[in-house]
Amino acid sequence: MTATAIEIDPELRDRINEVARERGVTAGAFVESLFEGWLREQRLAAIREAAGRTPVDLVESWSVESSEYDTTLGDGLGSAARWGRPNALR
C-alpha cells in the first residue's frame, strides 16, 4: 500500500494520534476503522430508508410469513437429524 498525506488541523491530528496510540494501532488504521464505521452507518441508513418506503401490506405479509417460520423452527424437528447427526441438537 502506498501512503499519502492529507491536510488536517494539527489539533485533530494530535487527537487522532492519541486515541490510536491508546488503542495500540496506527493513526491510519484508526482513521480507516472510523471510515469503515461511517460506511456501515450509511448502508444501514439506506436500509432504514428503504424499509420506511415498504408498503404496510407487504410488511404485514412478511410478519405473518416469518411467524410461520418461527413456528416451524420450533416444532422439534431439527435439521441435524436429516443430515445424519441425530444427537447434534442435544
PDB file of N, CA and C in Angstrom:
ATOM      1  N   MET A   1       0.846  -1.174   0.000  1.00  0.00           N
ATOM      2  CA  MET A   1       0.000   0.000   0.000  1.00  0.00           C
ATOM      3  C   MET A   1       0.894   1.239   0.000  1.00  0.00           C
ATOM      4  N   THR A   2       0.549   2.192  -0.817  1.00  0.00           N
ATOM      5  CA  THR A   2       1.269   3.448  -0.867  1.00  0.00           C
ATOM      6  C   THR A   2       0.586   4.443   0.055  1.00  0.00           C
ATOM      7  N   ALA A   3       1.350   5.022   0.948  1.00  0.00           N
ATOM      8  CA  ALA A   3       0.801   6.014   1.869  1.00  0.00           C
ATOM      9  C   ALA A   3       0.745   7.365   1.180  1.00  0.00           C
ATOM     10  N   THR A   4      -0.192   8.160   1.633  1.00  0.00           N
ATOM     11  CA  THR A   4      -0.321   9.515   1.116  1.00  0.00           C
ATOM     12  C   THR A   4      -0.571  10.447   2.288  1.00  0.00           C
ATOM     13  N   ALA A   5      -0.410  11.705   2.072  1.00  0.00           N
ATOM     14  CA  ALA A   5      -0.622  12.684   3.146  1.00  0.00           C
ATOM     15  C   ALA A   5      -1.909  13.447   2.869  1.00  0.00           C
ATOM     16  N   ILE A   6      -2.619  13.760   3.940  1.00  0.00           N
ATOM     17  CA  ILE A   6      -3.788  14.626   3.828  1.00  0.00           C
ATOM     18  C   ILE A   6      -3.603  15.758   4.821  1.00  0.00           C
ATOM     19  N   GLU A   7      -4.160  16.893   4.502  1.00  0.00           N
ATOM     20  CA  GLU A   7      -4.046  18.033   5.403  1.00  0.00           C
ATOM     21  C   GLU A   7      -5.197  18.036   6.386  1.00  0.00           C
ATOM     22  N   ILE A   8      -4.854  18.033   7.651  1.00  0.00           N
ATOM     23  CA  ILE A   8      -5.854  18.178   8.709  1.00  0.00           C
ATOM     24  C   ILE A   8      -5.298  19.134   9.750  1.00  0.00           C
ATOM     25  N   ASP A   9      -6.172  19.674  10.528  1.00  0.00           N
ATOM     26  CA  ASP A   9      -5.788  20.579  11.591  1.00  0.00           C
ATOM     27  C   ASP A   9      -4.827  19.862  12.546  1.00  0.00           C
ATOM     28  N   PRO A  10      -3.752  20.523  12.977  1.00  0.00           N
ATOM     29  CA  PRO A  10      -2.791  19.872  13.879  1.00  0.00           C
ATOM     30  C   PRO A  10      -3.417  19.349  15.184  1.00  0.00           C
ATOM     31  N   GLU A  11      -4.408  20.078  15.695  1.00  0.00           N
ATOM     32  CA  GLU A  11      -5.072  19.605  16.919  1.00  0.00           C
ATOM     33  C   GLU A  11      -5.814  18.298  16.670  1.00  0.00           C
ATOM     34  N   LEU A  12      -6.487  18.209  15.539  1.00  0.00           N
ATOM     35  CA  LEU A  12      -7.190  16.982  15.189  1.00  0.00           C
ATOM     36  C   LEU A  12      -6.187  15.850  14.992  1.00  0.00           C
ATOM     37  N   ARG A  13      -5.102  16.120  14.295  1.00  0.00           N
ATOM     38  CA  ARG A  13      -4.056  15.118  14.093  1.00  0.00           C
ATOM     39  C   ARG A  13      -3.560  14.577  15.431  1.00  0.00           C
ATOM     40  N   ASP A  14      -3.325  15.483  16.376  1.00  0.00           N
ATOM     41  CA  ASP A  14      -2.837  15.060  17.687  1.00  0.00           C
ATOM     42  C   ASP A  14      -3.871  14.207  18.418  1.00  0.00           C
ATOM     43  N   ARG A  15      -5.130  14.583  18.302  1.00  0.00           N
ATOM     44  CA  ARG A  15      -6.195  13.793  18.945  1.00  0.00           C
ATOM     45  C   ARG A  15      -6.294  12.398  18.320  1.00  0.00           C
ATOM     46  N   ILE A  16      -6.217  12.342  16.994  1.00  0.00           N
ATOM     47  CA  ILE A  16      -6.242  11.048  16.317  1.00  0.00           C
ATOM     48  C   ILE A  16      -5.062  10.195  16.763  1.00  0.00           C
ATOM     49  N   ASN A  17      -3.876  10.776  16.772  1.00  0.00           N
ATOM     50  CA  ASN A  17      -2.689  10.027  17.189  1.00  0.00           C
ATOM     51  C   ASN A  17      -2.803   9.537  18.630  1.00  0.00           C
ATOM     52  N   GLU A  18      -3.357  10.357  19.503  1.00  0.00           N
ATOM     53  CA  GLU A  18      -3.500   9.974  20.907  1.00  0.00           C
ATOM     54  C   GLU A  18      -4.435   8.775  21.066  1.00  0.00           C
ATOM     55  N   VAL A  19      -5.589   8.843  20.420  1.00  0.00           N
ATOM     56  CA  VAL A  19      -6.548   7.741  20.520  1.00  0.00           C
ATOM     57  C   VAL A  19      -5.986   6.479  19.855  1.00  0.00           C
ATOM     58  N   ALA A  20      -5.335   6.633  18.730  1.00  0.00           N
ATOM     59  CA  ALA A  20      -4.738   5.482  18.048  1.00  0.00           C
ATOM     60  C   ALA A  20      -3.701   4.824  18.945  1.00  0.00           C
ATOM     61  N   ARG A  21      -2.879   5.626  19.573  1.00  0.00           N
ATOM     62  CA  ARG A  21      -1.849   5.102  20.491  1.00  0.00           C
ATOM     63  C   ARG A  21      -2.502   4.338  21.640  1.00  0.00           C
ATOM     64  N   GLU A  22      -3.579   4.901  22.204  1.00  0.00           N
ATOM     65  CA  GLU A  22      -4.296   4.227  23.300  1.00  0.00           C
ATOM     66  C   GLU A  22      -4.848   2.883  22.860  1.00  0.00           C
ATOM     67  N   ARG A  23      -5.258   2.791  21.618  1.00  0.00           N
ATOM     68  CA  ARG A  23      -5.820   1.547  21.088  1.00  0.00           C
ATOM     69  C   ARG A  23      -4.755   0.606  20.547  1.00  0.00           C
ATOM     70  N   GLY A  24      -3.539   1.074  20.484  1.00  0.00           N
ATOM     71  CA  GLY A  24      -2.452   0.235  20.002  1.00  0.00           C
ATOM     72  C   GLY A  24      -2.448   0.036  18.499  1.00  0.00           C
ATOM     73  N   VAL A  25      -2.952   1.023  17.768  1.00  0.00           N
ATOM     74  CA  VAL A  25      -2.973   0.943  16.306  1.00  0.00           C
ATOM     75  C   VAL A  25      -2.332   2.203  15.737  1.00  0.00           C
ATOM     76  N   THR A  26      -2.076   2.169  14.447  1.00  0.00           N
ATOM     77  CA  THR A  26      -1.545   3.362  13.796  1.00  0.00           C
ATOM     78  C   THR A  26      -2.676   4.363  13.575  1.00  0.00           C
ATOM     79  N   ALA A  27      -2.288   5.598  13.341  1.00  0.00           N
ATOM     80  CA  ALA A  27      -3.290   6.626  13.040  1.00  0.00           C
ATOM     81  C   ALA A  27      -4.056   6.249  11.779  1.00  0.00           C
ATOM     82  N   GLY A  28      -3.346   5.700  10.797  1.00  0.00           N
ATOM     83  CA  GLY A  28      -4.002   5.286   9.559  1.00  0.00           C
ATOM     84  C   GLY A  28      -5.033   4.198   9.793  1.00  0.00           C
ATOM     85  N   ALA A  29      -4.671   3.207  10.622  1.00  0.00           N
ATOM     86  CA  ALA A  29      -5.607   2.116  10.916  1.00  0.00           C
ATOM     87  C   ALA A  29      -6.818   2.645  11.683  1.00  0.00           C
ATOM     88  N   PHE A  30      -6.584   3.591  12.576  1.00  0.00           N
ATOM     89  CA  PHE A  30      -7.683   4.174  13.337  1.00  0.00           C
ATOM     90  C   PHE A  30      -8.621   4.946  12.413  1.00  0.00           C
ATOM     91  N   VAL A  31      -8.080   5.754  11.534  1.00  0.00           N
ATOM     92  CA  VAL A  31      -8.901   6.513  10.587  1.00  0.00           C
ATOM     93  C   VAL A  31      -9.658   5.556   9.672  1.00  0.00           C
ATOM     94  N   GLU A  32      -8.990   4.482   9.238  1.00  0.00           N
ATOM     95  CA  GLU A  32      -9.663   3.502   8.386  1.00  0.00           C
ATOM     96  C   GLU A  32     -10.849   2.873   9.110  1.00  0.00           C
ATOM     97  N   SER A  33     -10.678   2.545  10.405  1.00  0.00           N
ATOM     98  CA  SER A  33     -11.796   1.953  11.157  1.00  0.00           C
ATOM     99  C   SER A  33     -12.939   2.950  11.303  1.00  0.00           C
ATOM    100  N   LEU A  34     -12.618   4.212  11.495  1.00  0.00           N
ATOM    101  CA  LEU A  34     -13.661   5.235  11.562  1.00  0.00           C
ATOM    102  C   LEU A  34     -14.406   5.332  10.236  1.00  0.00           C
ATOM    103  N   PHE A  35     -13.666   5.311   9.144  1.00  0.00           N
ATOM    104  CA  PHE A  35     -14.273   5.405   7.822  1.00  0.00           C
ATOM    105  C   PHE A  35     -15.146   4.185   7.545  1.00  0.00           C
ATOM    106  N   GLU A  36     -14.672   2.991   7.880  1.00  0.00           N
ATOM    107  CA  GLU A  36     -15.464   1.777   7.688  1.00  0.00           C
ATOM    108  C   GLU A  36     -16.752   1.840   8.506  1.00  0.00           C
ATOM    109  N   GLY A  37     -16.670   2.359   9.736  1.00  0.00           N
ATOM    110  CA  GLY A  37     -17.861   2.529  10.564  1.00  0.00           C
ATOM    111  C   GLY A  37     -18.842   3.506   9.932  1.00  0.00           C
ATOM    112  N   TRP A  38     -18.308   4.576   9.373  1.00  0.00           N
ATOM    113  CA  TRP A  38     -19.167   5.560   8.709  1.00  0.00           C
ATOM    114  C   TRP A  38     -19.849   4.935   7.499  1.00  0.00           C
ATOM    115  N   LEU A  39     -19.102   4.157   6.695  1.00  0.00           N
ATOM    116  CA  LEU A  39     -19.696   3.488   5.537  1.00  0.00           C
ATOM    117  C   LEU A  39     -20.806   2.535   5.959  1.00  0.00           C
ATOM    118  N   ARG A  40     -20.576   1.812   7.050  1.00  0.00           N
ATOM    119  CA  ARG A  40     -21.588   0.889   7.568  1.00  0.00           C
ATOM    120  C   ARG A  40     -22.845   1.652   7.960  1.00  0.00           C
ATOM    121  N   GLU A  41     -22.669   2.762   8.646  1.00  0.00           N
ATOM    122  CA  GLU A  41     -23.820   3.587   9.034  1.00  0.00           C
ATOM    123  C   GLU A  41     -24.585   4.079   7.810  1.00  0.00           C
ATOM    124  N   GLN A  42     -23.877   4.420   6.749  1.00  0.00           N
ATOM    125  CA  GLN A  42     -24.537   4.860   5.518  1.00  0.00           C
ATOM    126  C   GLN A  42     -25.366   3.733   4.922  1.00  0.00           C
ATOM    127  N   ARG A  43     -24.816   2.502   4.921  1.00  0.00           N
ATOM    128  CA  ARG A  43     -25.568   1.360   4.392  1.00  0.00           C
ATOM    129  C   ARG A  43     -26.805   1.092   5.241  1.00  0.00           C
ATOM    130  N   LEU A  44     -26.651   1.154   6.558  1.00  0.00           N
ATOM    131  CA  LEU A  44     -27.795   0.919   7.442  1.00  0.00           C
ATOM    132  C   LEU A  44     -28.853   2.007   7.281  1.00  0.00           C
ATOM    133  N   ALA A  45     -28.419   3.243   7.101  1.00  0.00           N
ATOM    134  CA  ALA A  45     -29.371   4.338   6.885  1.00  0.00           C
ATOM    135  C   ALA A  45     -30.143   4.107   5.590  1.00  0.00           C
ATOM    136  N   ALA A  46     -29.465   3.615   4.551  1.00  0.00           N
ATOM    137  CA  ALA A  46     -30.145   3.333   3.287  1.00  0.00           C
ATOM    138  C   ALA A  46     -31.156   2.205   3.461  1.00  0.00           C
ATOM    139  N   ILE A  47     -30.805   1.201   4.266  1.00  0.00           N
ATOM    140  CA  ILE A  47     -31.737   0.103   4.537  1.00  0.00           C
ATOM    141  C   ILE A  47     -32.956   0.615   5.296  1.00  0.00           C
ATOM    142  N   ARG A  48     -32.719   1.452   6.314  1.00  0.00           N
ATOM    143  CA  ARG A  48     -33.843   2.013   7.082  1.00  0.00           C
ATOM    144  C   ARG A  48     -34.749   2.850   6.187  1.00  0.00           C
ATOM    145  N   GLU A  49     -34.132   3.622   5.301  1.00  0.00           N
ATOM    146  CA  GLU A  49     -34.905   4.472   4.402  1.00  0.00           C
ATOM    147  C   GLU A  49     -35.739   3.607   3.452  1.00  0.00           C
ATOM    148  N   ALA A  50     -35.143   2.561   2.925  1.00  0.00           N
ATOM    149  CA  ALA A  50     -35.867   1.661   2.022  1.00  0.00           C
ATOM    150  C   ALA A  50     -36.987   0.945   2.772  1.00  0.00           C
ATOM    151  N   ALA A  51     -36.703   0.532   3.994  1.00  0.00           N
ATOM    152  CA  ALA A  51     -37.732  -0.148   4.793  1.00  0.00           C
ATOM    153  C   ALA A  51     -38.901   0.793   5.072  1.00  0.00           C
ATOM    154  N   GLY A  52     -38.587   2.065   5.265  1.00  0.00           N
ATOM    155  CA  GLY A  52     -39.642   3.046   5.500  1.00  0.00           C
ATOM    156  C   GLY A  52     -40.546   3.253   4.298  1.00  0.00           C
ATOM    157  N   ARG A  53     -40.059   2.931   3.111  1.00  0.00           N
ATOM    158  CA  ARG A  53     -40.866   3.057   1.889  1.00  0.00           C
ATOM    159  C   ARG A  53     -41.647   1.781   1.582  1.00  0.00           C
ATOM    160  N   THR A  54     -41.415   0.729   2.348  1.00  0.00           N
ATOM    161  CA  THR A  54     -42.091  -0.538   2.091  1.00  0.00           C
ATOM    162  C   THR A  54     -43.576  -0.408   2.441  1.00  0.00           C
ATOM    163  N   PRO A  55     -44.451  -0.806   1.531  1.00  0.00           N
ATOM    164  CA  PRO A  55     -45.887  -0.710   1.799  1.00  0.00           C
ATOM    165  C   PRO A  55     -46.290  -1.534   3.036  1.00  0.00           C
ATOM    166  N   VAL A  56     -47.234  -1.016   3.792  1.00  0.00           N
ATOM    167  CA  VAL A  56     -47.675  -1.644   5.036  1.00  0.00           C
ATOM    168  C   VAL A  56     -48.170  -3.070   4.800  1.00  0.00           C
ATOM    169  N   ASP A  57     -48.916  -3.297   3.726  1.00  0.00           N
ATOM    170  CA  ASP A  57     -49.443  -4.638   3.485  1.00  0.00           C
ATOM    171  C   ASP A  57     -48.322  -5.651   3.240  1.00  0.00           C
ATOM    172  N   LEU A  58     -47.234  -5.203   2.625  1.00  0.00           N
ATOM    173  CA  LEU A  58     -46.096  -6.091   2.407  1.00  0.00           C
ATOM    174  C   LEU A  58     -45.391  -6.413   3.723  1.00  0.00           C
ATOM    175  N   VAL A  59     -45.273  -5.423   4.587  1.00  0.00           N
ATOM    176  CA  VAL A  59     -44.665  -5.646   5.908  1.00  0.00           C
ATOM    177  C   VAL A  59     -45.517  -6.624   6.709  1.00  0.00           C
ATOM    178  N   GLU A  60     -46.829  -6.445   6.676  1.00  0.00           N
ATOM    179  CA  GLU A  60     -47.725  -7.346   7.404  1.00  0.00           C
ATOM    180  C   GLU A  60     -47.640  -8.767   6.853  1.00  0.00           C
ATOM    181  N   SER A  61     -47.566  -8.906   5.540  1.00  0.00           N
ATOM    182  CA  SER A  61     -47.438 -10.221   4.914  1.00  0.00           C
ATOM    183  C   SER A  61     -46.150 -10.898   5.356  1.00  0.00           C
ATOM    184  N   TRP A  62     -45.049 -10.141   5.361  1.00  0.00           N
ATOM    185  CA  TRP A  62     -43.765 -10.681   5.804  1.00  0.00           C
ATOM    186  C   TRP A  62     -43.842 -11.103   7.267  1.00  0.00           C
ATOM    187  N   SER A  63     -44.503 -10.306   8.080  1.00  0.00           N
ATOM    188  CA  SER A  63     -44.621 -10.618   9.500  1.00  0.00           C
ATOM    189  C   SER A  63     -45.348 -11.938   9.719  1.00  0.00           C
ATOM    190  N   VAL A  64     -46.442 -12.143   8.991  1.00  0.00           N
ATOM    191  CA  VAL A  64     -47.200 -13.397   9.093  1.00  0.00           C
ATOM    192  C   VAL A  64     -46.334 -14.563   8.651  1.00  0.00           C
ATOM    193  N   GLU A  65     -45.670 -14.407   7.508  1.00  0.00           N
ATOM    194  CA  GLU A  65     -44.842 -15.496   6.979  1.00  0.00           C
ATOM    195  C   GLU A  65     -43.683 -15.826   7.916  1.00  0.00           C
ATOM    196  N   SER A  66     -43.026 -14.810   8.461  1.00  0.00           N
ATOM    197  CA  SER A  66     -41.887 -15.082   9.345  1.00  0.00           C
ATOM    198  C   SER A  66     -42.341 -15.729  10.651  1.00  0.00           C
ATOM    199  N   SER A  67     -43.541 -15.398  11.135  1.00  0.00           N
ATOM    200  CA  SER A  67     -44.029 -16.047  12.351  1.00  0.00           C
ATOM    201  C   SER A  67     -44.335 -17.519  12.083  1.00  0.00           C
ATOM    202  N   GLU A  68     -44.754 -17.828  10.849  1.00  0.00           N
ATOM    203  CA  GLU A  68     -44.970 -19.224  10.476  1.00  0.00           C
ATOM    204  C   GLU A  68     -43.650 -19.986  10.476  1.00  0.00           C
ATOM    205  N   TYR A  69     -42.581 -19.339  10.011  1.00  0.00           N
ATOM    206  CA  TYR A  69     -41.262 -19.975  10.068  1.00  0.00           C
ATOM    207  C   TYR A  69     -40.844 -20.205  11.512  1.00  0.00           C
ATOM    208  N   ASP A  70     -41.103 -19.243  12.380  1.00  0.00           N
ATOM    209  CA  ASP A  70     -40.770 -19.409  13.791  1.00  0.00           C
ATOM    210  C   ASP A  70     -41.477 -20.626  14.371  1.00  0.00           C
ATOM    211  N   THR A  71     -42.734 -20.803  14.015  1.00  0.00           N
ATOM    212  CA  THR A  71     -43.499 -21.955  14.485  1.00  0.00           C
ATOM    213  C   THR A  71     -42.885 -23.242  13.956  1.00  0.00           C
ATOM    214  N   THR A  72     -42.556 -23.257  12.677  1.00  0.00           N
ATOM    215  CA  THR A  72     -41.962 -24.440  12.064  1.00  0.00           C
ATOM    216  C   THR A  72     -40.611 -24.754  12.682  1.00  0.00           C
ATOM    217  N   LEU A  73     -39.807 -23.742  12.922  1.00  0.00           N
ATOM    218  CA  LEU A  73     -38.485 -23.969  13.504  1.00  0.00           C
ATOM    219  C   LEU A  73     -38.573 -24.482  14.933  1.00  0.00           C
ATOM    220  N   GLY A  74     -39.672 -24.194  15.606  1.00  0.00           N
ATOM    221  CA  GLY A  74     -39.830 -24.626  16.987  1.00  0.00           C
ATOM    222  C   GLY A  74     -40.561 -25.941  17.144  1.00  0.00           C
ATOM    223  N   ASP A  75     -40.739 -26.684  16.054  1.00  0.00           N
ATOM    224  CA  ASP A  75     -41.532 -27.909  16.129  1.00  0.00           C
ATOM    225  C   ASP A  75     -40.746 -29.118  16.635  1.00  0.00           C
ATOM    226  N   GLY A  76     -39.456 -28.933  16.930  1.00  0.00           N
ATOM    227  CA  GLY A  76     -38.669 -30.036  17.471  1.00  0.00           C
ATOM    228  C   GLY A  76     -38.049 -30.934  16.427  1.00  0.00           C
ATOM    229  N   LEU A  77     -38.287 -30.651  15.185  1.00  0.00           N
ATOM    230  CA  LEU A  77     -37.708 -31.462  14.116  1.00  0.00           C
ATOM    231  C   LEU A  77     -36.463 -30.758  13.592  1.00  0.00           C
ATOM    232  N   GLY A  78     -35.366 -30.937  14.289  1.00  0.00           N
ATOM    233  CA  GLY A  78     -34.132 -30.256  13.916  1.00  0.00           C
ATOM    234  C   GLY A  78     -33.552 -30.752  12.615  1.00  0.00           C
ATOM    235  N   SER A  79     -32.907 -29.860  11.908  1.00  0.00           N
ATOM    236  CA  SER A  79     -32.315 -30.223  10.620  1.00  0.00           C
ATOM    237  C   SER A  79     -31.124 -31.146  10.794  1.00  0.00           C
ATOM    238  N   ALA A  80     -30.508 -31.184  11.963  1.00  0.00           N
ATOM    239  CA  ALA A  80     -29.331 -32.022  12.171  1.00  0.00           C
ATOM    240  C   ALA A  80     -29.655 -33.492  11.967  1.00  0.00           C
ATOM    241  N   ALA A  81     -30.847 -33.924  12.356  1.00  0.00           N
ATOM    242  CA  ALA A  81     -31.233 -35.331  12.203  1.00  0.00           C
ATOM    243  C   ALA A  81     -31.320 -35.710  10.729  1.00  0.00           C
ATOM    244  N   ARG A  82     -31.739 -34.775   9.898  1.00  0.00           N
ATOM    245  CA  ARG A  82     -31.840 -35.062   8.464  1.00  0.00           C
ATOM    246  C   ARG A  82     -30.470 -35.239   7.827  1.00  0.00           C
ATOM    247  N   TRP A  83     -29.443 -34.720   8.448  1.00  0.00           N
ATOM    248  CA  TRP A  83     -28.098 -34.791   7.876  1.00  0.00           C
ATOM    249  C   TRP A  83     -27.253 -35.857   8.560  1.00  0.00           C
ATOM    250  N   GLY A  84     -27.919 -36.827   9.202  1.00  0.00           N
ATOM    251  CA  GLY A  84     -27.193 -37.940   9.792  1.00  0.00           C
ATOM    252  C   GLY A  84     -26.511 -37.623  11.105  1.00  0.00           C
ATOM    253  N   ARG A  85     -26.963 -36.572  11.796  1.00  0.00           N
ATOM    254  CA  ARG A  85     -26.378 -36.212  13.084  1.00  0.00           C
ATOM    255  C   ARG A  85     -27.509 -36.113  14.108  1.00  0.00           C
ATOM    256  N   PRO A  86     -28.076 -37.244  14.509  1.00  0.00           N
ATOM    257  CA  PRO A  86     -29.266 -37.203  15.388  1.00  0.00           C
ATOM    258  C   PRO A  86     -29.006 -36.584  16.743  1.00  0.00           C
ATOM    259  N   ASN A  87     -27.803 -36.596  17.233  1.00  0.00           N
ATOM    260  CA  ASN A  87     -27.529 -36.044  18.575  1.00  0.00           C
ATOM    261  C   ASN A  87     -27.008 -34.611  18.519  1.00  0.00           C
ATOM    262  N   ALA A  88     -26.955 -34.038  17.365  1.00  0.00           N
ATOM    263  CA  ALA A  88     -26.351 -32.708  17.220  1.00  0.00           C
ATOM    264  C   ALA A  88     -27.135 -31.622  17.945  1.00  0.00           C
ATOM    265  N   LEU A  89     -28.400 -31.839  18.184  1.00  0.00           N
ATOM    266  CA  LEU A  89     -29.196 -30.799  18.830  1.00  0.00           C
ATOM    267  C   LEU A  89     -29.285 -30.961  20.343  1.00  0.00           C
ATOM    268  N   ARG A  90     -28.729 -31.996  20.887  1.00  0.00           N
ATOM    269  CA  ARG A  90     -28.834 -32.228  22.330  1.00  0.00           C
ATOM    270  C   ARG A  90     -27.796 -31.505  23.103  1.00  0.00           C
TER     271      ARG A  90
END
